[in-house]
Amino acid sequence: MNSLKFEDTGVYYCNAERVYLGGSAEYDV
C-alpha cells in the first residue's frame, strides 16, 4: 500500500477462496 490516505483507514481482513485440503475444502476463509 503506497500513497496512503485517511480514507484507507480500517480493519483489513485477509480472505482465501476455495482452499482444498486432503479430505475437505473450505470455500471462504
Full PDB file with SEQRES, HELIX, SHEET, SSBOND, CRYST1, ORIGX, SCALE, CONECT and MASTER records, all heavy atoms in Angstrom:
SEQRES   1 A   29  MET ASN SER LEU LYS PHE GLU ASP THR GLY VAL TYR TYR          
SEQRES   2 A   29  CYS ASN ALA GLU ARG VAL TYR LEU GLY GLY SER ALA GLU          
SEQRES   3 A   29  TYR ASP VAL                                                  
HELIX    1 AA1 PHE A    6  ASP A    8  5                                   3    
SHEET    1 AA1 2 GLU A  17  TYR A  20  0                                        
SHEET    2 AA1 2 ALA A  25  ASP A  28 -1                                        
CRYST1    1.000    1.000    1.000  90.00  90.00  90.00 P 1           1          
ORIGX1      1.000000  0.000000  0.000000        0.00000                         
ORIGX2      0.000000  1.000000  0.000000        0.00000                         
ORIGX3      0.000000  0.000000  1.000000        0.00000                         
SCALE1      1.000000  0.000000  0.000000        0.00000                         
SCALE2      0.000000  1.000000  0.000000        0.00000                         
SCALE3      0.000000  0.000000  1.000000        0.00000                         
ATOM      1  N   MET A   1       0.844  -1.183   0.000  1.00  0.00           N  
ATOM      2  CA  MET A   1       0.000   0.000   0.000  1.00  0.00           C  
ATOM      3  C   MET A   1       0.882   1.237   0.000  1.00  0.00           C  
ATOM      4  O   MET A   1       1.652   1.458   0.937  1.00  0.00           O  
ATOM      5  CB  MET A   1      -0.929   0.010   1.214  1.00  0.00           C  
ATOM      6  CG  MET A   1      -1.809  -1.235   1.319  1.00  0.00           C  
ATOM      7  SD  MET A   1      -2.965  -1.172   2.714  1.00  0.00           S  
ATOM      8  CE  MET A   1      -1.813  -1.293   4.084  1.00  0.00           C  
ATOM      9  N   ASN A   2       0.766   2.025  -1.042  1.00  0.00           N  
ATOM     10  CA  ASN A   2       1.530   3.254  -1.179  1.00  0.00           C  
ATOM     11  C   ASN A   2       0.587   4.453  -1.239  1.00  0.00           C  
ATOM     12  O   ASN A   2      -0.604   4.315  -1.505  1.00  0.00           O  
ATOM     13  CB  ASN A   2       2.392   3.212  -2.441  1.00  0.00           C  
ATOM     14  CG  ASN A   2       3.416   2.100  -2.426  1.00  0.00           C  
ATOM     15  OD1 ASN A   2       3.962   1.752  -1.389  1.00  0.00           O  
ATOM     16  ND2 ASN A   2       3.693   1.534  -3.604  1.00  0.00           N  
ATOM     17  N   SER A   3       1.151   5.619  -1.012  1.00  0.00           N  
ATOM     18  CA  SER A   3       0.384   6.866  -1.066  1.00  0.00           C  
ATOM     19  C   SER A   3      -0.897   6.762  -0.254  1.00  0.00           C  
ATOM     20  O   SER A   3      -1.989   7.096  -0.722  1.00  0.00           O  
ATOM     21  CB  SER A   3       0.075   7.234  -2.522  1.00  0.00           C  
ATOM     22  OG  SER A   3       1.260   7.372  -3.280  1.00  0.00           O  
ATOM     23  N   LEU A   4      -0.766   6.316   0.968  1.00  0.00           N  
ATOM     24  CA  LEU A   4      -1.931   6.070   1.809  1.00  0.00           C  
ATOM     25  C   LEU A   4      -2.675   7.358   2.139  1.00  0.00           C  
ATOM     26  O   LEU A   4      -2.071   8.416   2.320  1.00  0.00           O  
ATOM     27  CB  LEU A   4      -1.511   5.363   3.089  1.00  0.00           C  
ATOM     28  CG  LEU A   4      -1.192   3.873   2.907  1.00  0.00           C  
ATOM     29  CD1 LEU A   4      -0.382   3.344   4.071  1.00  0.00           C  
ATOM     30  CD2 LEU A   4      -2.487   3.078   2.753  1.00  0.00           C  
ATOM     31  N   LYS A   5      -3.989   7.237   2.216  1.00  0.00           N  
ATOM     32  CA  LYS A   5      -4.878   8.349   2.502  1.00  0.00           C  
ATOM     33  C   LYS A   5      -5.663   8.079   3.777  1.00  0.00           C  
ATOM     34  O   LYS A   5      -5.756   6.942   4.237  1.00  0.00           O  
ATOM     35  CB  LYS A   5      -5.850   8.565   1.338  1.00  0.00           C  
ATOM     36  CG  LYS A   5      -5.196   8.755  -0.018  1.00  0.00           C  
ATOM     37  CD  LYS A   5      -6.252   8.837  -1.116  1.00  0.00           C  
ATOM     38  CE  LYS A   5      -5.622   9.023  -2.476  1.00  0.00           C  
ATOM     39  NZ  LYS A   5      -6.651   9.082  -3.550  1.00  0.00           N  
ATOM     40  N   PHE A   6      -6.260   9.137   4.337  1.00  0.00           N  
ATOM     41  CA  PHE A   6      -7.084   8.985   5.527  1.00  0.00           C  
ATOM     42  C   PHE A   6      -8.180   7.945   5.313  1.00  0.00           C  
ATOM     43  O   PHE A   6      -8.483   7.152   6.218  1.00  0.00           O  
ATOM     44  CB  PHE A   6      -7.715  10.322   5.920  1.00  0.00           C  
ATOM     45  CG  PHE A   6      -6.736  11.345   6.409  1.00  0.00           C  
ATOM     46  CD1 PHE A   6      -6.583  12.538   5.728  1.00  0.00           C  
ATOM     47  CD2 PHE A   6      -5.984  11.125   7.550  1.00  0.00           C  
ATOM     48  CE1 PHE A   6      -5.692  13.495   6.178  1.00  0.00           C  
ATOM     49  CE2 PHE A   6      -5.083  12.074   8.006  1.00  0.00           C  
ATOM     50  CZ  PHE A   6      -4.934  13.263   7.321  1.00  0.00           C  
ATOM     51  N   GLU A   7      -8.785   7.952   4.141  1.00  0.00           N  
ATOM     52  CA  GLU A   7      -9.890   7.061   3.868  1.00  0.00           C  
ATOM     53  C   GLU A   7      -9.483   5.600   3.718  1.00  0.00           C  
ATOM     54  O   GLU A   7     -10.344   4.724   3.592  1.00  0.00           O  
ATOM     55  CB  GLU A   7     -10.661   7.518   2.616  1.00  0.00           C  
ATOM     56  CG  GLU A   7      -9.775   7.779   1.411  1.00  0.00           C  
ATOM     57  CD  GLU A   7      -9.390   9.240   1.265  1.00  0.00           C  
ATOM     58  OE1 GLU A   7      -9.074   9.881   2.280  1.00  0.00           O  
ATOM     59  OE2 GLU A   7      -9.420   9.746   0.120  1.00  0.00           O  
ATOM     60  N   ASP A   8      -8.191   5.321   3.716  1.00  0.00           N  
ATOM     61  CA  ASP A   8      -7.727   3.940   3.705  1.00  0.00           C  
ATOM     62  C   ASP A   8      -7.793   3.304   5.093  1.00  0.00           C  
ATOM     63  O   ASP A   8      -7.583   2.097   5.222  1.00  0.00           O  
ATOM     64  CB  ASP A   8      -6.296   3.856   3.181  1.00  0.00           C  
ATOM     65  CG  ASP A   8      -6.189   4.231   1.712  1.00  0.00           C  
ATOM     66  OD1 ASP A   8      -7.069   3.831   0.926  1.00  0.00           O  
ATOM     67  OD2 ASP A   8      -5.214   4.925   1.351  1.00  0.00           O  
ATOM     68  N   THR A   9      -8.059   4.095   6.100  1.00  0.00           N  
ATOM     69  CA  THR A   9      -8.143   3.594   7.465  1.00  0.00           C  
ATOM     70  C   THR A   9      -9.253   2.556   7.607  1.00  0.00           C  
ATOM     71  O   THR A   9     -10.353   2.729   7.080  1.00  0.00           O  
ATOM     72  CB  THR A   9      -8.389   4.747   8.443  1.00  0.00           C  
ATOM     73  OG1 THR A   9      -7.252   5.614   8.451  1.00  0.00           O  
ATOM     74  CG2 THR A   9      -8.614   4.232   9.857  1.00  0.00           C  
ATOM     75  N   GLY A  10      -8.961   1.494   8.315  1.00  0.00           N  
ATOM     76  CA  GLY A  10      -9.961   0.470   8.555  1.00  0.00           C  
ATOM     77  C   GLY A  10      -9.325  -0.822   9.010  1.00  0.00           C  
ATOM     78  O   GLY A  10      -8.107  -0.924   9.166  1.00  0.00           O  
ATOM     79  N   VAL A  11     -10.161  -1.804   9.238  1.00  0.00           N  
ATOM     80  CA  VAL A  11      -9.691  -3.142   9.572  1.00  0.00           C  
ATOM     81  C   VAL A  11      -9.594  -3.935   8.282  1.00  0.00           C  
ATOM     82  O   VAL A  11     -10.579  -4.065   7.550  1.00  0.00           O  
ATOM     83  CB  VAL A  11     -10.627  -3.846  10.567  1.00  0.00           C  
ATOM     84  CG1 VAL A  11     -10.105  -5.246  10.882  1.00  0.00           C  
ATOM     85  CG2 VAL A  11     -10.763  -3.027  11.843  1.00  0.00           C  
ATOM     86  N   TYR A  12      -8.429  -4.453   8.022  1.00  0.00           N  
ATOM     87  CA  TYR A  12      -8.182  -5.208   6.803  1.00  0.00           C  
ATOM     88  C   TYR A  12      -8.222  -6.697   7.103  1.00  0.00           C  
ATOM     89  O   TYR A  12      -7.513  -7.185   7.982  1.00  0.00           O  
ATOM     90  CB  TYR A  12      -6.833  -4.830   6.204  1.00  0.00           C  
ATOM     91  CG  TYR A  12      -6.834  -3.488   5.504  1.00  0.00           C  
ATOM     92  CD1 TYR A  12      -7.021  -2.313   6.217  1.00  0.00           C  
ATOM     93  CD2 TYR A  12      -6.658  -3.412   4.128  1.00  0.00           C  
ATOM     94  CE1 TYR A  12      -7.042  -1.084   5.581  1.00  0.00           C  
ATOM     95  CE2 TYR A  12      -6.668  -2.183   3.480  1.00  0.00           C  
ATOM     96  CZ  TYR A  12      -6.863  -1.024   4.220  1.00  0.00           C  
ATOM     97  OH  TYR A  12      -6.873   0.193   3.576  1.00  0.00           O  
ATOM     98  N   TYR A  13      -9.064  -7.406   6.370  1.00  0.00           N  
ATOM     99  CA  TYR A  13      -9.252  -8.833   6.568  1.00  0.00           C  
ATOM    100  C   TYR A  13      -8.715  -9.617   5.381  1.00  0.00           C  
ATOM    101  O   TYR A  13      -9.074  -9.339   4.234  1.00  0.00           O  
ATOM    102  CB  TYR A  13     -10.738  -9.171   6.735  1.00  0.00           C  
ATOM    103  CG  TYR A  13     -11.377  -8.591   7.977  1.00  0.00           C  
ATOM    104  CD1 TYR A  13     -11.996  -7.351   7.945  1.00  0.00           C  
ATOM    105  CD2 TYR A  13     -11.357  -9.295   9.176  1.00  0.00           C  
ATOM    106  CE1 TYR A  13     -12.582  -6.818   9.077  1.00  0.00           C  
ATOM    107  CE2 TYR A  13     -11.945  -8.765  10.312  1.00  0.00           C  
ATOM    108  CZ  TYR A  13     -12.555  -7.530  10.255  1.00  0.00           C  
ATOM    109  OH  TYR A  13     -13.140  -7.010  11.382  1.00  0.00           O  
ATOM    110  N   CYS A  14      -7.882 -10.579   5.674  1.00  0.00           N  
ATOM    111  CA  CYS A  14      -7.410 -11.482   4.642  1.00  0.00           C  
ATOM    112  C   CYS A  14      -8.504 -12.494   4.318  1.00  0.00           C  
ATOM    113  O   CYS A  14      -9.234 -12.947   5.205  1.00  0.00           O  
ATOM    114  CB  CYS A  14      -6.142 -12.199   5.108  1.00  0.00           C  
ATOM    115  SG  CYS A  14      -5.429 -13.313   3.876  1.00  0.00           S  
ATOM    116  N   ASN A  15      -8.608 -12.831   3.059  1.00  0.00           N  
ATOM    117  CA  ASN A  15      -9.615 -13.781   2.602  1.00  0.00           C  
ATOM    118  C   ASN A  15      -8.992 -14.790   1.650  1.00  0.00           C  
ATOM    119  O   ASN A  15      -8.150 -14.438   0.825  1.00  0.00           O  
ATOM    120  CB  ASN A  15     -10.761 -13.039   1.904  1.00  0.00           C  
ATOM    121  CG  ASN A  15     -11.748 -13.977   1.240  1.00  0.00           C  
ATOM    122  OD1 ASN A  15     -11.676 -14.225   0.031  1.00  0.00           O  
ATOM    123  ND2 ASN A  15     -12.673 -14.510   2.022  1.00  0.00           N  
ATOM    124  N   ALA A  16      -9.418 -16.021   1.782  1.00  0.00           N  
ATOM    125  CA  ALA A  16      -8.991 -17.080   0.872  1.00  0.00           C  
ATOM    126  C   ALA A  16     -10.213 -17.794   0.335  1.00  0.00           C  
ATOM    127  O   ALA A  16     -11.131 -18.119   1.084  1.00  0.00           O  
ATOM    128  CB  ALA A  16      -8.062 -18.065   1.574  1.00  0.00           C  
ATOM    129  N   GLU A  17     -10.218 -18.036  -0.958  1.00  0.00           N  
ATOM    130  CA  GLU A  17     -11.332 -18.687  -1.620  1.00  0.00           C  
ATOM    131  C   GLU A  17     -10.928 -20.074  -2.101  1.00  0.00           C  
ATOM    132  O   GLU A  17      -9.852 -20.247  -2.666  1.00  0.00           O  
ATOM    133  CB  GLU A  17     -11.805 -17.871  -2.824  1.00  0.00           C  
ATOM    134  CG  GLU A  17     -12.268 -16.469  -2.494  1.00  0.00           C  
ATOM    135  CD  GLU A  17     -12.640 -15.690  -3.734  1.00  0.00           C  
ATOM    136  OE1 GLU A  17     -12.977 -16.327  -4.763  1.00  0.00           O  
ATOM    137  OE2 GLU A  17     -12.600 -14.448  -3.692  1.00  0.00           O  
ATOM    138  N   ARG A  18     -11.823 -21.029  -1.874  1.00  0.00           N  
ATOM    139  CA  ARG A  18     -11.666 -22.386  -2.398  1.00  0.00           C  
ATOM    140  C   ARG A  18     -10.323 -22.975  -2.022  1.00  0.00           C  
ATOM    141  O   ARG A  18      -9.439 -23.175  -2.855  1.00  0.00           O  
ATOM    142  CB  ARG A  18     -11.878 -22.381  -3.911  1.00  0.00           C  
ATOM    143  CG  ARG A  18     -13.308 -22.071  -4.310  1.00  0.00           C  
ATOM    144  CD  ARG A  18     -13.419 -21.568  -5.742  1.00  0.00           C  
ATOM    145  NE  ARG A  18     -12.860 -22.491  -6.706  1.00  0.00           N  
ATOM    146  CZ  ARG A  18     -12.777 -22.252  -8.005  1.00  0.00           C  
ATOM    147  NH1 ARG A  18     -13.225 -21.099  -8.493  1.00  0.00           N  
ATOM    148  NH2 ARG A  18     -12.245 -23.146  -8.814  1.00  0.00           N  
ATOM    149  N   VAL A  19     -10.189 -23.246  -0.739  1.00  0.00           N  
ATOM    150  CA  VAL A  19      -8.979 -23.857  -0.207  1.00  0.00           C  
ATOM    151  C   VAL A  19      -9.207 -25.359  -0.112  1.00  0.00           C  
ATOM    152  O   VAL A  19     -10.091 -25.814   0.612  1.00  0.00           O  
ATOM    153  CB  VAL A  19      -8.621 -23.281   1.168  1.00  0.00           C  
ATOM    154  CG1 VAL A  19      -7.270 -23.827   1.621  1.00  0.00           C  
ATOM    155  CG2 VAL A  19      -8.595 -21.762   1.121  1.00  0.00           C  
ATOM    156  N   TYR A  20      -8.398 -26.126  -0.809  1.00  0.00           N  
ATOM    157  CA  TYR A  20      -8.561 -27.576  -0.847  1.00  0.00           C  
ATOM    158  C   TYR A  20      -7.486 -28.263  -0.024  1.00  0.00           C  
ATOM    159  O   TYR A  20      -6.287 -28.071  -0.248  1.00  0.00           O  
ATOM    160  CB  TYR A  20      -8.517 -28.082  -2.288  1.00  0.00           C  
ATOM    161  CG  TYR A  20      -9.701 -27.640  -3.104  1.00  0.00           C  
ATOM    162  CD1 TYR A  20      -9.656 -26.458  -3.829  1.00  0.00           C  
ATOM    163  CD2 TYR A  20     -10.866 -28.397  -3.129  1.00  0.00           C  
ATOM    164  CE1 TYR A  20     -10.743 -26.038  -4.565  1.00  0.00           C  
ATOM    165  CE2 TYR A  20     -11.960 -27.980  -3.872  1.00  0.00           C  
ATOM    166  CZ  TYR A  20     -11.892 -26.800  -4.584  1.00  0.00           C  
ATOM    167  OH  TYR A  20     -12.973 -26.383  -5.321  1.00  0.00           O  
ATOM    168  N   LEU A  21      -7.948 -29.068   0.926  1.00  0.00           N  
ATOM    169  CA  LEU A  21      -7.084 -29.878   1.759  1.00  0.00           C  
ATOM    170  C   LEU A  21      -7.153 -31.332   1.289  1.00  0.00           C  
ATOM    171  O   LEU A  21      -7.765 -31.642   0.276  1.00  0.00           O  
ATOM    172  CB  LEU A  21      -7.496 -29.757   3.224  1.00  0.00           C  
ATOM    173  CG  LEU A  21      -7.521 -28.341   3.800  1.00  0.00           C  
ATOM    174  CD1 LEU A  21      -8.067 -28.373   5.217  1.00  0.00           C  
ATOM    175  CD2 LEU A  21      -6.133 -27.719   3.767  1.00  0.00           C  
ATOM    176  N   GLY A  22      -6.526 -32.213   2.048  1.00  0.00           N  
ATOM    177  CA  GLY A  22      -6.503 -33.616   1.658  1.00  0.00           C  
ATOM    178  C   GLY A  22      -7.881 -34.246   1.587  1.00  0.00           C  
ATOM    179  O   GLY A  22      -8.191 -34.990   0.652  1.00  0.00           O  
ATOM    180  N   GLY A  23      -8.720 -33.961   2.570  1.00  0.00           N  
ATOM    181  CA  GLY A  23     -10.022 -34.596   2.617  1.00  0.00           C  
ATOM    182  C   GLY A  23     -11.205 -33.653   2.703  1.00  0.00           C  
ATOM    183  O   GLY A  23     -12.330 -34.099   2.956  1.00  0.00           O  
ATOM    184  N   SER A  24     -10.984 -32.383   2.509  1.00  0.00           N  
ATOM    185  CA  SER A  24     -12.062 -31.415   2.609  1.00  0.00           C  
ATOM    186  C   SER A  24     -11.707 -30.153   1.846  1.00  0.00           C  
ATOM    187  O   SER A  24     -10.599 -30.016   1.337  1.00  0.00           O  
ATOM    188  CB  SER A  24     -12.347 -31.085   4.079  1.00  0.00           C  
ATOM    189  OG  SER A  24     -11.225 -30.463   4.679  1.00  0.00           O  
ATOM    190  N   ALA A  25     -12.662 -29.249   1.790  1.00  0.00           N  
ATOM    191  CA  ALA A  25     -12.459 -27.965   1.134  1.00  0.00           C  
ATOM    192  C   ALA A  25     -13.125 -26.865   1.944  1.00  0.00           C  
ATOM    193  O   ALA A  25     -14.193 -27.055   2.522  1.00  0.00           O  
ATOM    194  CB  ALA A  25     -13.015 -27.987  -0.287  1.00  0.00           C  
ATOM    195  N   GLU A  26     -12.474 -25.740   1.998  1.00  0.00           N  
ATOM    196  CA  GLU A  26     -13.028 -24.555   2.619  1.00  0.00           C  
ATOM    197  C   GLU A  26     -13.244 -23.516   1.523  1.00  0.00           C  
ATOM    198  O   GLU A  26     -12.298 -23.132   0.829  1.00  0.00           O  
ATOM    199  CB  GLU A  26     -12.097 -24.001   3.690  1.00  0.00           C  
ATOM    200  CG  GLU A  26     -11.818 -24.964   4.836  1.00  0.00           C  
ATOM    201  CD  GLU A  26     -13.017 -25.177   5.725  1.00  0.00           C  
ATOM    202  OE1 GLU A  26     -13.897 -24.303   5.745  1.00  0.00           O  
ATOM    203  OE2 GLU A  26     -13.082 -26.225   6.395  1.00  0.00           O  
ATOM    204  N   TYR A  27     -14.482 -23.072   1.373  1.00  0.00           N  
ATOM    205  CA  TYR A  27     -14.811 -22.224   0.236  1.00  0.00           C  
ATOM    206  C   TYR A  27     -14.576 -20.744   0.492  1.00  0.00           C  
ATOM    207  O   TYR A  27     -14.388 -19.985  -0.470  1.00  0.00           O  
ATOM    208  CB  TYR A  27     -16.256 -22.471  -0.176  1.00  0.00           C  
ATOM    209  CG  TYR A  27     -16.485 -23.885  -0.649  1.00  0.00           C  
ATOM    210  CD1 TYR A  27     -17.054 -24.843   0.183  1.00  0.00           C  
ATOM    211  CD2 TYR A  27     -16.109 -24.267  -1.932  1.00  0.00           C  
ATOM    212  CE1 TYR A  27     -17.245 -26.141  -0.257  1.00  0.00           C  
ATOM    213  CE2 TYR A  27     -16.298 -25.563  -2.372  1.00  0.00           C  
ATOM    214  CZ  TYR A  27     -16.868 -26.497  -1.529  1.00  0.00           C  
ATOM    215  OH  TYR A  27     -17.058 -27.790  -1.967  1.00  0.00           O  
ATOM    216  N   ASP A  28     -14.577 -20.349   1.735  1.00  0.00           N  
ATOM    217  CA  ASP A  28     -14.396 -18.947   2.064  1.00  0.00           C  
ATOM    218  C   ASP A  28     -13.840 -18.839   3.481  1.00  0.00           C  
ATOM    219  O   ASP A  28     -14.545 -19.121   4.445  1.00  0.00           O  
ATOM    220  CB  ASP A  28     -15.721 -18.196   1.952  1.00  0.00           C  
ATOM    221  CG  ASP A  28     -15.539 -16.703   1.806  1.00  0.00           C  
ATOM    222  OD1 ASP A  28     -14.427 -16.256   1.470  1.00  0.00           O  
ATOM    223  OD2 ASP A  28     -16.529 -15.971   2.020  1.00  0.00           O  
ATOM    224  N   VAL A  29     -12.588 -18.448   3.592  1.00  0.00           N  
ATOM    225  CA  VAL A  29     -11.892 -18.394   4.871  1.00  0.00           C  
ATOM    226  C   VAL A  29     -11.454 -16.965   5.142  1.00  0.00           C  
ATOM    227  O   VAL A  29     -10.985 -16.270   4.238  1.00  0.00           O  
ATOM    228  CB  VAL A  29     -10.674 -19.335   4.885  1.00  0.00           C  
ATOM    229  CG1 VAL A  29     -10.012 -19.337   6.262  1.00  0.00           C  
ATOM    230  CG2 VAL A  29     -11.088 -20.752   4.499  1.00  0.00           C  
TER     231      VAL A  29                                                      
MASTER        0    0    0    1    2    0    0    6  230    1    0    3          
END                                                                             
